[in-house]
PDB file of N, CA and C in Angstrom:
ATOM      1  N   MET A   1      12.674 -21.216   2.002  1.00  0.00           N
ATOM      2  CA  MET A   1      13.170 -19.291   2.440  1.00  0.00           C
ATOM      3  C   MET A   1      11.899 -18.931   2.928  1.00  0.00           C
ATOM      4  N   TYR A   2      12.090 -17.753   3.557  1.00  0.00           N
ATOM      5  CA  TYR A   2      10.650 -16.687   3.927  1.00  0.00           C
ATOM      6  C   TYR A   2      10.606 -16.031   2.348  1.00  0.00           C
ATOM      7  N   GLN A   3       9.236 -15.740   1.962  1.00  0.00           N
ATOM      8  CA  GLN A   3       8.955 -14.744   0.971  1.00  0.00           C
ATOM      9  C   GLN A   3       7.987 -13.866   1.834  1.00  0.00           C
ATOM     10  N   ARG A   4       8.468 -12.616   1.536  1.00  0.00           N
ATOM     11  CA  ARG A   4       7.696 -11.718   2.118  1.00  0.00           C
ATOM     12  C   ARG A   4       5.796 -11.510   2.008  1.00  0.00           C
ATOM     13  N   THR A   5       4.973 -11.130   2.479  1.00  0.00           N
ATOM     14  CA  THR A   5       3.984 -11.096   1.763  1.00  0.00           C
ATOM     15  C   THR A   5       3.481  -9.934   1.494  1.00  0.00           C
ATOM     16  N   GLU A   6       2.418  -9.697   0.635  1.00  0.00           N
ATOM     17  CA  GLU A   6       2.296  -8.183  -0.135  1.00  0.00           C
ATOM     18  C   GLU A   6       2.337  -6.982   0.714  1.00  0.00           C
ATOM     19  N   TYR A   7       1.759  -7.171   1.717  1.00  0.00           N
ATOM     20  CA  TYR A   7       1.720  -6.130   2.773  1.00  0.00           C
ATOM     21  C   TYR A   7       3.231  -5.530   3.153  1.00  0.00           C
ATOM     22  N   GLU A   8       3.992  -6.597   3.194  1.00  0.00           N
ATOM     23  CA  GLU A   8       5.254  -6.426   3.726  1.00  0.00           C
ATOM     24  C   GLU A   8       6.206  -5.928   2.662  1.00  0.00           C
ATOM     25  N   ARG A   9       5.824  -6.499   1.583  1.00  0.00           N
ATOM     26  CA  ARG A   9       6.205  -5.269   0.305  1.00  0.00           C
ATOM     27  C   ARG A   9       6.048  -4.119   0.347  1.00  0.00           C
ATOM     28  N   ILE A  10       4.660  -3.940   0.210  1.00  0.00           N
ATOM     29  CA  ILE A  10       4.031  -2.575   0.286  1.00  0.00           C
ATOM     30  C   ILE A  10       4.743  -1.589   1.188  1.00  0.00           C
ATOM     31  N   ARG A  11       4.708  -1.938   2.613  1.00  0.00           N
ATOM     32  CA  ARG A  11       5.316  -1.381   3.566  1.00  0.00           C
ATOM     33  C   ARG A  11       6.251  -1.064   3.419  1.00  0.00           C
ATOM     34  N   SER A  12       7.350  -2.184   2.844  1.00  0.00           N
ATOM     35  CA  SER A  12       8.950  -1.723   2.664  1.00  0.00           C
ATOM     36  C   SER A  12       8.943  -0.432   1.991  1.00  0.00           C
ATOM     37  N   VAL A  13       8.242  -0.478   0.613  1.00  0.00           N
ATOM     38  CA  VAL A  13       8.409   0.586  -0.392  1.00  0.00           C
ATOM     39  C   VAL A  13       8.177   1.765   0.285  1.00  0.00           C
ATOM     40  N   LEU A  14       7.023   1.662   1.134  1.00  0.00           N
ATOM     41  CA  LEU A  14       6.645   3.288   1.506  1.00  0.00           C
ATOM     42  C   LEU A  14       7.456   3.618   2.366  1.00  0.00           C
ATOM     43  N   ASP A  15       8.043   2.705   3.226  1.00  0.00           N
ATOM     44  CA  ASP A  15       9.217   3.175   4.418  1.00  0.00           C
ATOM     45  C   ASP A  15      10.506   3.545   3.778  1.00  0.00           C
ATOM     46  N   SER A  16      10.904   2.725   2.416  1.00  0.00           N
ATOM     47  CA  SER A  16      11.925   3.354   1.843  1.00  0.00           C
ATOM     48  C   SER A  16      11.984   4.725   1.023  1.00  0.00           C
ATOM     49  N   ALA A  17      10.418   4.827   0.581  1.00  0.00           N
ATOM     50  CA  ALA A  17      10.236   6.293  -0.097  1.00  0.00           C
ATOM     51  C   ALA A  17      10.202   7.322   0.568  1.00  0.00           C
ATOM     52  N   ASP A  18      10.125   7.072   2.234  1.00  0.00           N
ATOM     53  CA  ASP A  18       9.508   8.251   3.045  1.00  0.00           C
ATOM     54  C   ASP A  18       8.620   8.827   2.383  1.00  0.00           C
ATOM     55  N   VAL A  19       7.465   8.402   2.556  1.00  0.00           N
ATOM     56  CA  VAL A  19       6.333   8.957   2.229  1.00  0.00           C
ATOM     57  C   VAL A  19       5.676   9.864   3.353  1.00  0.00           C
ATOM     58  N   ASP A  20       5.312  11.324   2.938  1.00  0.00           N
ATOM     59  CA  ASP A  20       4.570  11.902   3.814  1.00  0.00           C
ATOM     60  C   ASP A  20       3.358  12.286   3.649  1.00  0.00           C
ATOM     61  N   GLY A  21       2.473  11.425   4.511  1.00  0.00           N
ATOM     62  CA  GLY A  21       0.905  11.668   3.884  1.00  0.00           C
ATOM     63  C   GLY A  21       0.035  10.288   3.602  1.00  0.00           C
ATOM     64  N   PRO A  22      -0.991  10.399   3.576  1.00  0.00           N
ATOM     65  CA  PRO A  22      -1.745   9.378   2.996  1.00  0.00           C
ATOM     66  C   PRO A  22      -1.591   9.407   1.502  1.00  0.00           C
ATOM     67  N   LEU A  23      -1.642   8.237   0.705  1.00  0.00           N
ATOM     68  CA  LEU A  23      -1.776   8.120  -0.698  1.00  0.00           C
ATOM     69  C   LEU A  23      -2.852   7.312  -1.268  1.00  0.00           C
ATOM     70  N   THR A  24      -3.387   7.238  -2.532  1.00  0.00           N
ATOM     71  CA  THR A  24      -4.366   6.550  -3.058  1.00  0.00           C
ATOM     72  C   THR A  24      -3.645   5.285  -3.373  1.00  0.00           C
ATOM     73  N   ALA A  25      -4.693   4.322  -3.647  1.00  0.00           N
ATOM     74  CA  ALA A  25      -3.929   3.037  -4.058  1.00  0.00           C
ATOM     75  C   ALA A  25      -3.105   3.022  -5.608  1.00  0.00           C
ATOM     76  N   ARG A  26      -3.685   3.892  -6.262  1.00  0.00           N
ATOM     77  CA  ARG A  26      -3.010   4.178  -7.614  1.00  0.00           C
ATOM     78  C   ARG A  26      -1.357   4.690  -7.344  1.00  0.00           C
ATOM     79  N   GLU A  27      -1.239   5.924  -6.465  1.00  0.00           N
ATOM     80  CA  GLU A  27       0.010   6.218  -6.280  1.00  0.00           C
ATOM     81  C   GLU A  27       0.751   5.232  -5.286  1.00  0.00           C
ATOM     82  N   ILE A  28       0.186   4.385  -4.549  1.00  0.00           N
ATOM     83  CA  ILE A  28       1.106   3.459  -4.271  1.00  0.00           C
ATOM     84  C   ILE A  28       1.609   2.087  -5.129  1.00  0.00           C
ATOM     85  N   ALA A  29       0.680   1.717  -5.955  1.00  0.00           N
ATOM     86  CA  ALA A  29       0.881   0.789  -6.994  1.00  0.00           C
ATOM     87  C   ALA A  29       2.112   1.758  -8.046  1.00  0.00           C
ATOM     88  N   ASN A  30       2.009   2.873  -8.643  1.00  0.00           N
ATOM     89  CA  ASN A  30       3.223   3.715  -8.910  1.00  0.00           C
ATOM     90  C   ASN A  30       4.564   3.351  -8.440  1.00  0.00           C
ATOM     91  N   LEU A  31       4.357   4.057  -6.877  1.00  0.00           N
ATOM     92  CA  LEU A  31       5.642   3.767  -6.201  1.00  0.00           C
ATOM     93  C   LEU A  31       5.962   2.250  -6.248  1.00  0.00           C
ATOM     94  N   LEU A  32       5.403   1.277  -6.012  1.00  0.00           N
ATOM     95  CA  LEU A  32       5.798  -0.091  -6.427  1.00  0.00           C
ATOM     96  C   LEU A  32       6.544  -0.326  -7.593  1.00  0.00           C
ATOM     97  N   GLU A  33       5.698  -0.143  -8.518  1.00  0.00           N
ATOM     98  CA  GLU A  33       6.050  -0.486  -9.837  1.00  0.00           C
ATOM     99  C   GLU A  33       7.573   0.044  -9.743  1.00  0.00           C
ATOM    100  N   GLU A  34       7.613   1.554  -9.528  1.00  0.00           N
ATOM    101  CA  GLU A  34       9.365   2.286  -9.831  1.00  0.00           C
ATOM    102  C   GLU A  34       9.934   1.531  -8.979  1.00  0.00           C
ATOM    103  N   HIS A  35       9.594   1.189  -7.834  1.00  0.00           N
ATOM    104  CA  HIS A  35      10.770  -0.060  -7.025  1.00  0.00           C
ATOM    105  C   HIS A  35      10.801  -1.203  -7.643  1.00  0.00           C
ATOM    106  N   ASP A  36      10.262  -1.650  -8.532  1.00  0.00           N
ATOM    107  CA  ASP A  36      10.372  -3.141  -9.176  1.00  0.00           C
ATOM    108  C   ASP A  36       9.816  -3.951  -8.303  1.00  0.00           C
ATOM    109  N   VAL A  37       8.680  -3.542  -7.857  1.00  0.00           N
ATOM    110  CA  VAL A  37       7.719  -4.406  -6.852  1.00  0.00           C
ATOM    111  C   VAL A  37       6.383  -5.110  -7.691  1.00  0.00           C
ATOM    112  N   ASP A  38       6.235  -6.038  -7.840  1.00  0.00           N
ATOM    113  CA  ASP A  38       5.221  -6.708  -8.507  1.00  0.00           C
ATOM    114  C   ASP A  38       4.051  -7.157  -7.697  1.00  0.00           C
ATOM    115  N   ILE A  39       3.442  -5.902  -7.761  1.00  0.00           N
ATOM    116  CA  ILE A  39       1.962  -6.232  -7.036  1.00  0.00           C
ATOM    117  C   ILE A  39       0.781  -6.206  -8.523  1.00  0.00           C
ATOM    118  N   ASP A  40       0.062  -6.715  -8.824  1.00  0.00           N
ATOM    119  CA  ASP A  40      -1.091  -6.844 -10.138  1.00  0.00           C
ATOM    120  C   ASP A  40      -1.556  -5.171 -10.655  1.00  0.00           C
ATOM    121  N   SER A  41      -2.023  -4.589  -9.459  1.00  0.00           N
ATOM    122  CA  SER A  41      -2.992  -3.352  -9.710  1.00  0.00           C
ATOM    123  C   SER A  41      -3.093  -2.562  -8.427  1.00  0.00           C
ATOM    124  N   ALA A  42      -3.688  -1.358  -8.639  1.00  0.00           N
ATOM    125  CA  ALA A  42      -4.203  -0.494  -7.548  1.00  0.00           C
ATOM    126  C   ALA A  42      -5.187  -1.275  -7.015  1.00  0.00           C
ATOM    127  N   HIS A  43      -6.157  -2.041  -7.611  1.00  0.00           N
ATOM    128  CA  HIS A  43      -6.903  -2.728  -6.738  1.00  0.00           C
ATOM    129  C   HIS A  43      -6.509  -3.717  -5.894  1.00  0.00           C
ATOM    130  N   ARG A  44      -5.591  -4.378  -6.498  1.00  0.00           N
ATOM    131  CA  ARG A  44      -4.967  -5.375  -5.663  1.00  0.00           C
ATOM    132  C   ARG A  44      -4.389  -4.874  -4.225  1.00  0.00           C
ATOM    133  N   VAL A  45      -3.964  -3.536  -4.321  1.00  0.00           N
ATOM    134  CA  VAL A  45      -3.372  -2.644  -3.141  1.00  0.00           C
ATOM    135  C   VAL A  45      -4.129  -2.061  -2.205  1.00  0.00           C
ATOM    136  N   ALA A  46      -5.358  -1.836  -2.770  1.00  0.00           N
ATOM    137  CA  ALA A  46      -6.639  -1.479  -2.269  1.00  0.00           C
ATOM    138  C   ALA A  46      -7.048  -2.557  -1.142  1.00  0.00           C
ATOM    139  N   THR A  47      -7.155  -3.749  -1.788  1.00  0.00           N
ATOM    140  CA  THR A  47      -7.160  -5.104  -1.142  1.00  0.00           C
ATOM    141  C   THR A  47      -6.767  -5.381   0.099  1.00  0.00           C
ATOM    142  N   VAL A  48      -5.334  -5.271  -0.228  1.00  0.00           N
ATOM    143  CA  VAL A  48      -4.401  -5.836   1.131  1.00  0.00           C
ATOM    144  C   VAL A  48      -4.845  -4.691   1.811  1.00  0.00           C
ATOM    145  N   LEU A  49      -4.764  -3.534   1.688  1.00  0.00           N
ATOM    146  CA  LEU A  49      -4.679  -2.374   2.527  1.00  0.00           C
ATOM    147  C   LEU A  49      -5.879  -2.405   3.346  1.00  0.00           C
ATOM    148  N   GLY A  50      -6.946  -2.786   2.727  1.00  0.00           N
ATOM    149  CA  GLY A  50      -8.684  -2.949   3.022  1.00  0.00           C
ATOM    150  C   GLY A  50      -8.404  -4.168   4.318  1.00  0.00           C
ATOM    151  N   ARG A  51      -7.794  -5.253   3.853  1.00  0.00           N
ATOM    152  CA  ARG A  51      -7.719  -6.049   5.034  1.00  0.00           C
ATOM    153  C   ARG A  51      -6.835  -5.799   6.246  1.00  0.00           C
ATOM    154  N   ARG A  52      -5.892  -4.885   5.975  1.00  0.00           N
ATOM    155  CA  ARG A  52      -5.192  -4.697   7.194  1.00  0.00           C
ATOM    156  C   ARG A  52      -5.517  -3.723   7.839  1.00  0.00           C
ATOM    157  N   ALA A  53      -6.532  -2.804   7.359  1.00  0.00           N
ATOM    158  CA  ALA A  53      -7.460  -1.923   7.951  1.00  0.00           C
ATOM    159  C   ALA A  53      -8.450  -2.127   8.849  1.00  0.00           C
ATOM    160  N   ARG A  54      -9.045  -3.167   8.639  1.00  0.00           N
ATOM    161  CA  ARG A  54      -9.709  -4.002   9.407  1.00  0.00           C
ATOM    162  C   ARG A  54      -9.147  -4.577  10.614  1.00  0.00           C
ATOM    163  N   ARG A  55      -7.920  -4.818  10.747  1.00  0.00           N
ATOM    164  CA  ARG A  55      -7.135  -4.814  12.009  1.00  0.00           C
ATOM    165  C   ARG A  55      -6.394  -3.820  12.738  1.00  0.00           C
ATOM    166  N   GLY A  56      -6.920  -2.851  12.038  1.00  0.00           N
ATOM    167  CA  GLY A  56      -5.954  -1.465  12.765  1.00  0.00           C
ATOM    168  C   GLY A  56      -4.915  -1.136  12.151  1.00  0.00           C
ATOM    169  N   GLU A  57      -3.986  -1.628  11.103  1.00  0.00           N
ATOM    170  CA  GLU A  57      -2.698  -1.593  10.925  1.00  0.00           C
ATOM    171  C   GLU A  57      -2.856  -0.647  10.069  1.00  0.00           C
ATOM    172  N   VAL A  58      -3.726  -0.099   9.322  1.00  0.00           N
ATOM    173  CA  VAL A  58      -3.703   0.756   8.339  1.00  0.00           C
ATOM    174  C   VAL A  58      -4.796   1.441   8.303  1.00  0.00           C
ATOM    175  N   GLU A  59      -4.870   3.323   8.202  1.00  0.00           N
ATOM    176  CA  GLU A  59      -5.810   4.078   8.297  1.00  0.00           C
ATOM    177  C   GLU A  59      -6.323   4.087   7.034  1.00  0.00           C
ATOM    178  N   VAL A  60      -7.857   3.895   6.845  1.00  0.00           N
ATOM    179  CA  VAL A  60      -8.431   4.553   5.678  1.00  0.00           C
ATOM    180  C   VAL A  60      -9.025   6.152   5.652  1.00  0.00           C
ATOM    181  N   ILE A  61      -8.535   6.680   4.859  1.00  0.00           N
ATOM    182  CA  ILE A  61      -9.163   8.045   4.836  1.00  0.00           C
ATOM    183  C   ILE A  61     -10.327   8.126   3.769  1.00  0.00           C
ATOM    184  N   ASP A  62     -11.560   8.281   4.334  1.00  0.00           N
ATOM    185  CA  ASP A  62     -12.743   7.974   3.749  1.00  0.00           C
ATOM    186  C   ASP A  62     -12.637   9.382   2.634  1.00  0.00           C
ATOM    187  N   GLU A  63     -12.450   9.536   1.835  1.00  0.00           N
ATOM    188  CA  GLU A  63     -12.215  10.491   0.662  1.00  0.00           C
ATOM    189  C   GLU A  63     -12.842   9.601  -0.559  1.00  0.00           C
ATOM    190  N   GLN A  64     -13.087  10.721  -1.626  1.00  0.00           N
ATOM    191  CA  GLN A  64     -12.913  10.142  -3.006  1.00  0.00           C
ATOM    192  C   GLN A  64     -11.843  10.592  -3.597  1.00  0.00           C
ATOM    193  N   PRO A  65     -10.774   9.506  -4.412  1.00  0.00           N
ATOM    194  CA  PRO A  65     -10.872   8.028  -4.092  1.00  0.00           C
ATOM    195  C   PRO A  65     -10.110   7.750  -2.486  1.00  0.00           C
ATOM    196  N   TYR A  66     -10.114   6.742  -1.781  1.00  0.00           N
ATOM    197  CA  TYR A  66      -9.781   6.136  -0.625  1.00  0.00           C
ATOM    198  C   TYR A  66      -8.480   6.522  -0.429  1.00  0.00           C
ATOM    199  N   ARG A  67      -7.769   7.308   0.726  1.00  0.00           N
ATOM    200  CA  ARG A  67      -6.595   7.456   0.420  1.00  0.00           C
ATOM    201  C   ARG A  67      -5.574   6.391   2.050  1.00  0.00           C
ATOM    202  N   TYR A  68      -5.007   6.054   2.097  1.00  0.00           N
ATOM    203  CA  TYR A  68      -4.392   4.806   2.961  1.00  0.00           C
ATOM    204  C   TYR A  68      -2.975   5.688   3.535  1.00  0.00           C
ATOM    205  N   ARG A  69      -2.938   5.414   4.986  1.00  0.00           N
ATOM    206  CA  ARG A  69      -2.130   5.750   5.620  1.00  0.00           C
ATOM    207  C   ARG A  69      -1.454   4.323   6.284  1.00  0.00           C
ATOM    208  N   VAL A  70      -0.388   3.868   6.289  1.00  0.00           N
ATOM    209  CA  VAL A  70       0.440   2.881   6.670  1.00  0.00           C
ATOM    210  C   VAL A  70       1.400   2.993   7.807  1.00  0.00           C
TER     211      VAL A  70
END
């Protein structure tokens, strides 16, 4: 059986939540929790999205705190 990656789970929640605009890792982690998706922490969300940003799949808005557009 195929198990979705962390990125796929994050992406799925953001798509279903119809998010408008970039979010912080903490805001994304909160959305994941609301949708019963188990990702360890906001730090883990930032790690997963940071890796995808290097591939050009995610945009990182360089503010403090960082915001992510998936």
